[in-house]
Amino acid sequence: ATYCPKAMKGKAADDGNSKERRRFNPAITIISTMKSIKAWAAQDKNGLKDFMKAQLKVAVILFIANVGNKFEPAYPRNDN
């Protein structure tokens, strides 16, 4: 016997065409995301503060790298 997904229509498996599927609703997704962000920012560890500190550190490193990249080389470079 071979496996045939079409034979499993109905309640046994979702074939992707059922009308009972939950439809995508952007408003519900946005509300859910905002609730998650509020809960994350309000936790005891202050996740938002730690996240912003990490982003600031990365920004400083990228700024230093960008400034260092603009200097003229002190001696000719080998462009191999």
Protein backbone atom coordinates (compact mmCIF):
# COMPACT_ATOMS: atom_id res chain seq x y z
CA ALA A 1 0.00 0.00 0.00
CA THR A 2 1.29 3.44 -0.89
CA TYR A 3 0.75 6.65 1.04
CA CYS A 4 -1.85 8.90 -0.53
CA PRO A 5 -2.54 12.24 1.22
CA LYS A 6 -5.75 12.81 -0.79
CA ALA A 7 -7.24 9.70 0.77
CA MET A 8 -7.00 11.34 4.20
CA LYS A 9 -9.43 14.19 3.49
CA GLY A 10 -11.78 15.28 6.21
CA LYS A 11 -11.15 15.27 9.93
CA ALA A 12 -8.15 12.94 9.83
CA ALA A 13 -5.83 15.57 8.31
CA ASP A 14 -6.11 19.16 7.16
CA ASP A 15 -5.67 19.23 3.39
CA GLY A 16 -5.17 23.02 3.41
CA ASN A 17 -8.46 23.74 1.65
CA SER A 18 -10.87 23.58 4.57
CA LYS A 19 -13.00 26.64 5.29
CA GLU A 20 -12.57 26.09 9.03
CA ARG A 21 -8.94 27.18 8.81
CA ARG A 22 -8.10 30.24 10.83
CA ARG A 23 -7.73 33.22 8.53
CA PHE A 24 -4.89 35.72 8.88
CA ASN A 25 -6.02 38.88 10.63
CA PRO A 26 -3.34 41.62 10.80
CA ALA A 27 -5.11 43.48 13.62
CA ILE A 28 -5.04 40.42 15.89
CA THR A 29 -1.40 39.79 15.00
CA ILE A 30 -0.40 43.39 15.82
CA ILE A 31 -2.34 43.38 19.11
CA SER A 32 -0.76 40.09 20.13
CA THR A 33 2.71 41.35 19.26
CA MET A 34 2.20 44.58 21.21
CA LYS A 35 1.03 42.61 24.28
CA SER A 36 4.16 40.45 24.04
CA ILE A 37 6.43 43.50 23.77
CA LYS A 38 4.73 45.16 26.76
CA ALA A 39 5.14 42.00 28.83
CA TRP A 40 8.79 41.70 27.78
CA ALA A 41 9.53 45.35 28.64
CA ALA A 42 7.79 45.06 32.04
CA GLN A 43 9.63 41.99 33.29
CA ASP A 44 11.89 42.19 36.35
CA LYS A 45 15.09 41.79 34.37
CA ASN A 46 14.15 44.82 32.25
CA GLY A 47 14.74 43.14 28.91
CA LEU A 48 14.14 46.31 26.92
CA LYS A 49 16.86 48.17 28.82
CA ASP A 50 19.34 45.31 28.30
CA PHE A 51 18.42 45.12 24.62
CA MET A 52 18.96 48.85 24.12
CA LYS A 53 22.34 48.67 25.90
CA ALA A 54 23.43 45.88 23.56
CA GLN A 55 22.26 47.83 20.51
CA LEU A 56 24.16 50.90 21.69
CA LYS A 57 27.35 48.86 22.11
CA VAL A 58 27.01 47.50 18.57
CA ALA A 59 26.42 51.02 17.23
CA VAL A 60 29.60 52.28 18.92
CA ILE A 61 31.64 49.39 17.48
CA LEU A 62 30.24 50.01 13.98
CA PHE A 63 30.96 53.75 14.28
CA ILE A 64 34.59 53.08 15.26
CA ALA A 65 34.96 50.60 12.39
CA ASN A 66 33.51 53.11 9.93
CA VAL A 67 35.82 55.91 11.14
CA GLY A 68 38.83 53.58 10.95
CA ASN A 69 37.89 52.56 7.43
CA LYS A 70 38.07 56.17 6.19
CA PHE A 71 41.73 56.79 7.16
CA GLU A 72 44.33 56.82 4.40
CA PRO A 73 46.70 53.85 4.75
CA ALA A 74 50.10 54.71 6.24
CA TYR A 75 51.88 52.59 3.63
CA PRO A 76 50.86 51.07 0.29
CA ARG A 77 48.68 48.00 0.65
CA ASN A 78 49.09 44.83 -1.35
CA ASP A 79 45.82 44.43 -3.29
CA ASN A 80 46.09 40.69 -3.88
